[in-house]
C-alpha atoms as a PDB file:
ATOM      1  CA  MET A   1      32.365  -0.773  44.118  1.00  0.00           C
ATOM      2  CA  GLY A   2      29.895  -2.405  46.450  1.00  0.00           C
ATOM      3  CA  LEU A   3      26.410  -3.610  45.805  1.00  0.00           C
ATOM      4  CA  LYS A   4      23.514  -1.289  46.505  1.00  0.00           C
ATOM      5  CA  PRO A   5      20.067  -2.641  47.300  1.00  0.00           C
ATOM      6  CA  LEU A   6      17.239  -1.172  45.250  1.00  0.00           C
ATOM      7  CA  ASP A   7      13.791  -0.422  46.594  1.00  0.00           C
ATOM      8  CA  LEU A   8      11.501  -2.515  44.379  1.00  0.00           C
ATOM      9  CA  LYS A   9       8.407  -0.696  45.577  1.00  0.00           C
ATOM     10  CA  LYS A  10       9.805   2.611  44.366  1.00  0.00           C
ATOM     11  CA  ILE A  11      10.739   1.021  41.057  1.00  0.00           C
ATOM     12  CA  GLN A  12       7.226  -0.353  40.625  1.00  0.00           C
ATOM     13  CA  GLU A  13       5.600   2.959  41.574  1.00  0.00           C
ATOM     14  CA  ILE A  14       7.313   4.778  38.723  1.00  0.00           C
ATOM     15  CA  ALA A  15       6.573   2.374  35.872  1.00  0.00           C
ATOM     16  CA  GLY A  16       3.690   0.267  37.062  1.00  0.00           C
ATOM     17  CA  ASN A  17       5.397  -3.114  37.336  1.00  0.00           C
ATOM     18  CA  THR A  18       8.865  -4.534  37.777  1.00  0.00           C
ATOM     19  CA  TYR A  19       9.193  -6.050  34.291  1.00  0.00           C
ATOM     20  CA  GLU A  20       8.281  -2.752  32.647  1.00  0.00           C
ATOM     21  CA  ALA A  21      10.830  -0.899  34.789  1.00  0.00           C
ATOM     22  CA  ILE A  22      13.570  -3.391  33.933  1.00  0.00           C
ATOM     23  CA  VAL A  23      12.871  -3.036  30.212  1.00  0.00           C
ATOM     24  CA  ILE A  24      12.989   0.765  30.471  1.00  0.00           C
ATOM     25  CA  MET A  25      16.275   0.734  32.388  1.00  0.00           C
ATOM     26  CA  ALA A  26      17.805  -1.872  30.068  1.00  0.00           C
ATOM     27  CA  LYS A  27      16.981   0.180  26.974  1.00  0.00           C
ATOM     28  CA  ARG A  28      18.481   3.282  28.555  1.00  0.00           C
ATOM     29  CA  ALA A  29      21.613   1.345  29.548  1.00  0.00           C
ATOM     30  CA  ARG A  30      21.998   0.235  25.913  1.00  0.00           C
ATOM     31  CA  GLN A  31      21.679   3.862  24.792  1.00  0.00           C
ATOM     32  CA  VAL A  32      24.349   4.973  27.262  1.00  0.00           C
ATOM     33  CA  ASN A  33      26.625   2.144  26.123  1.00  0.00           C
ATOM     34  CA  ASP A  34      26.126   3.035  22.442  1.00  0.00           C
ATOM     35  CA  GLU A  35      26.855   6.713  23.141  1.00  0.00           C
ATOM     36  CA  ARG A  36      30.056   5.774  24.940  1.00  0.00           C
ATOM     37  CA  LYS A  37      31.113   3.420  22.162  1.00  0.00           C
ATOM     38  CA  ILE A  38      30.731   6.233  19.627  1.00  0.00           C
ATOM     39  CA  MET A  39      32.681   8.617  21.870  1.00  0.00           C
ATOM     40  CA  PHE A  40      35.412   6.004  22.463  1.00  0.00           C
ATOM     41  CA  ASN A  41      35.809   5.261  18.746  1.00  0.00           C
ATOM     42  CA  LYS A  42      35.896   8.979  17.956  1.00  0.00           C
ATOM     43  CA  ARG A  43      38.715   9.511  20.461  1.00  0.00           C
ATOM     44  CA  LEU A  44      40.639   6.523  19.053  1.00  0.00           C
ATOM     45  CA  ASP A  45      40.227   7.864  15.514  1.00  0.00           C
ATOM     46  CA  GLU A  46      41.661  11.206  16.655  1.00  0.00           C
ATOM     47  CA  VAL A  47      44.682   9.451  18.161  1.00  0.00           C
ATOM     48  CA  ARG A  48      45.178   7.370  15.014  1.00  0.00           C
ATOM     49  CA  ALA A  49      44.939  10.464  12.808  1.00  0.00           C
ATOM     50  CA  LEU A  50      47.513  12.252  14.945  1.00  0.00           C
ATOM     51  CA  LYS A  51      49.836   9.236  14.769  1.00  0.00           C
ATOM     52  CA  ALA A  52      49.396   9.079  10.980  1.00  0.00           C
ATOM     53  CA  GLN A  53      50.336  12.754  10.660  1.00  0.00           C
ATOM     54  CA  GLN A  54      53.422  12.203  12.788  1.00  0.00           C
ATOM     55  CA  GLN A  55      54.459   9.189  10.744  1.00  0.00           C
ATOM     56  CA  GLN A  56      54.077  11.023   7.435  1.00  0.00           C
ATOM     57  CA  GLY A  57      57.036  13.152   8.437  1.00  0.00           C
ATOM     58  CA  LYS A  58      59.063  10.016   9.063  1.00  0.00           C
ATOM     59  CA  GLU A  59      59.712   7.600   6.241  1.00  0.00           C
ATOM     60  CA  GLU A  60      60.686   4.771   8.556  1.00  0.00           C
ATOM     61  CA  GLU A  61      58.363   1.946   9.393  1.00  0.00           C
ATOM     62  CA  PRO A  62      56.645   2.556  12.742  1.00  0.00           C
ATOM     63  CA  VAL A  63      58.257   0.933  15.749  1.00  0.00           C
ATOM     64  CA  ARG A  64      55.986  -1.713  17.213  1.00  0.00           C
ATOM     65  CA  ILE A  65      55.877  -2.052  20.948  1.00  0.00           C
ATOM     66  CA  LEU A  66      56.178  -5.696  21.976  1.00  0.00           C
ATOM     67  CA  ASP A  67      55.672  -7.242  25.376  1.00  0.00           C
ATOM     68  CA  ASP A  68      57.694 -10.086  26.899  1.00  0.00           C
ATOM     69  CA  GLU A  69      55.918 -12.666  24.746  1.00  0.00           C
ATOM     70  CA  LYS A  70      56.745 -10.727  21.549  1.00  0.00           C
ATOM     71  CA  THR A  71      53.121  -9.848  20.852  1.00  0.00           C
ATOM     72  CA  PRO A  72      52.063  -6.339  19.820  1.00  0.00           C
ATOM     73  CA  LYS A  73      50.998  -4.129  22.710  1.00  0.00           C
ATOM     74  CA  ALA A  74      48.491  -1.282  22.542  1.00  0.00           C
ATOM     75  CA  PRO A  75      49.938   2.231  22.314  1.00  0.00           C
ATOM     76  CA  PRO A  76      49.990   4.213  25.582  1.00  0.00           C
ATOM     77  CA  GLU A  77      47.493   6.783  24.253  1.00  0.00           C
ATOM     78  CA  GLN A  78      44.984   4.045  23.514  1.00  0.00           C
ATOM     79  CA  LEU A  79      45.476   2.532  26.966  1.00  0.00           C
ATOM     80  CA  GLN A  80      44.942   5.925  28.592  1.00  0.00           C
ATOM     81  CA  ILE A  81      41.643   6.416  26.730  1.00  0.00           C
ATOM     82  CA  ALA A  82      40.511   2.905  27.694  1.00  0.00           C
ATOM     83  CA  GLU A  83      41.338   3.574  31.355  1.00  0.00           C
ATOM     84  CA  GLU A  84      39.308   6.808  31.288  1.00  0.00           C
ATOM     85  CA  PHE A  85      36.297   4.934  29.981  1.00  0.00           C
ATOM     86  CA  ASP A  86      36.775   2.147  32.532  1.00  0.00           C
ATOM     87  CA  LEU A  87      36.550   4.693  35.347  1.00  0.00           C
ATOM     88  CA  MET A  88      33.141   5.916  34.170  1.00  0.00           C
ATOM     89  CA  PRO A  89      30.084   4.528  35.952  1.00  0.00           C
ATOM     90  CA  LYS A  90      28.616   1.445  34.308  1.00  0.00           C
ATOM     91  CA  PRO A  91      25.742   2.049  31.857  1.00  0.00           C
ATOM     92  CA  ALA A  92      23.350   0.015  34.021  1.00  0.00           C
ATOM     93  CA  ASP A  93      24.183   2.166  37.056  1.00  0.00           C
ATOM     94  CA  VAL A  94      23.572   5.334  35.035  1.00  0.00           C
ATOM     95  CA  ALA A  95      20.228   3.993  33.790  1.00  0.00           C
ATOM     96  CA  ILE A  96      19.090   2.990  37.281  1.00  0.00           C
ATOM     97  CA  GLU A  97      20.041   6.367  38.724  1.00  0.00           C
ATOM     98  CA  GLU A  98      18.249   8.246  35.924  1.00  0.00           C
ATOM     99  CA  TYR A  99      15.174   6.068  36.341  1.00  0.00           C
ATOM    100  CA  LEU A 100      14.959   6.481  40.116  1.00  0.00           C
ATOM    101  CA  SER A 101      15.553  10.244  39.959  1.00  0.00           C
ATOM    102  CA  GLY A 102      12.772  10.687  37.380  1.00  0.00           C
ATOM    103  CA  LYS A 103      15.031  11.849  34.548  1.00  0.00           C
ATOM    104  CA  LEU A 104      13.818   9.214  32.076  1.00  0.00           C
ATOM    105  CA  GLU A 105      10.821   9.701  29.834  1.00  0.00           C
ATOM    106  CA  TRP A 106       9.295   6.907  27.808  1.00  0.00           C
ATOM    107  CA  SER A 107       6.282   6.267  25.678  1.00  0.00           C
ATOM    108  CA  TYR A 108       4.643   3.278  24.118  1.00  0.00           C
ATOM    109  CA  SER A 109       4.209   2.759  20.421  1.00  0.00           C
ATOM    110  CA  ARG A 110       1.558   0.468  19.121  1.00  0.00           C
ATOM    111  CA  ASP A 111       2.417  -2.278  16.752  1.00  0.00           C
ATOM    112  CA  LYS A 112       0.915  -1.724  13.286  1.00  0.00           C
ATOM    113  CA  ASP A 113      -0.621  -5.212  13.242  1.00  0.00           C
ATOM    114  CA  GLU A 114      -2.184  -4.604  16.641  1.00  0.00           C
ATOM    115  CA  GLU A 115      -3.739  -1.358  15.401  1.00  0.00           C
ATOM    116  CA  ARG A 116      -5.197  -3.127  12.372  1.00  0.00           C
ATOM    117  CA  ARG A 117      -6.746  -5.816  14.594  1.00  0.00           C
ATOM    118  CA  ARG A 118      -8.390  -3.230  16.802  1.00  0.00           C
ATOM    119  CA  ARG A 119     -10.175  -1.533  13.874  1.00  0.00           C
END
């Protein structure tokens, strides 16, 4: 994936200034990352539950997959899920695209102390 230049003037037009735009995009990128983390953990839990059901039928201890250095290796299902998530666009790229296409909405909340000072 190559680098793409961003038009700073367009970024400033939308939010008002560059710092504000960066904060907005960073918060959205964190949201995207958190959503993906939840989705990833949910998928892993499903795989673990399926494995547990399969192992209940067997009374043997589960076979551990070891690599050449005799260290435990991740199960293939877990690796497949991780690869799927690796192929997704990066959260920062998603946030930038949403910001530039006008899909993001934001508002400002006043700090309670600031409101008290203004009264």
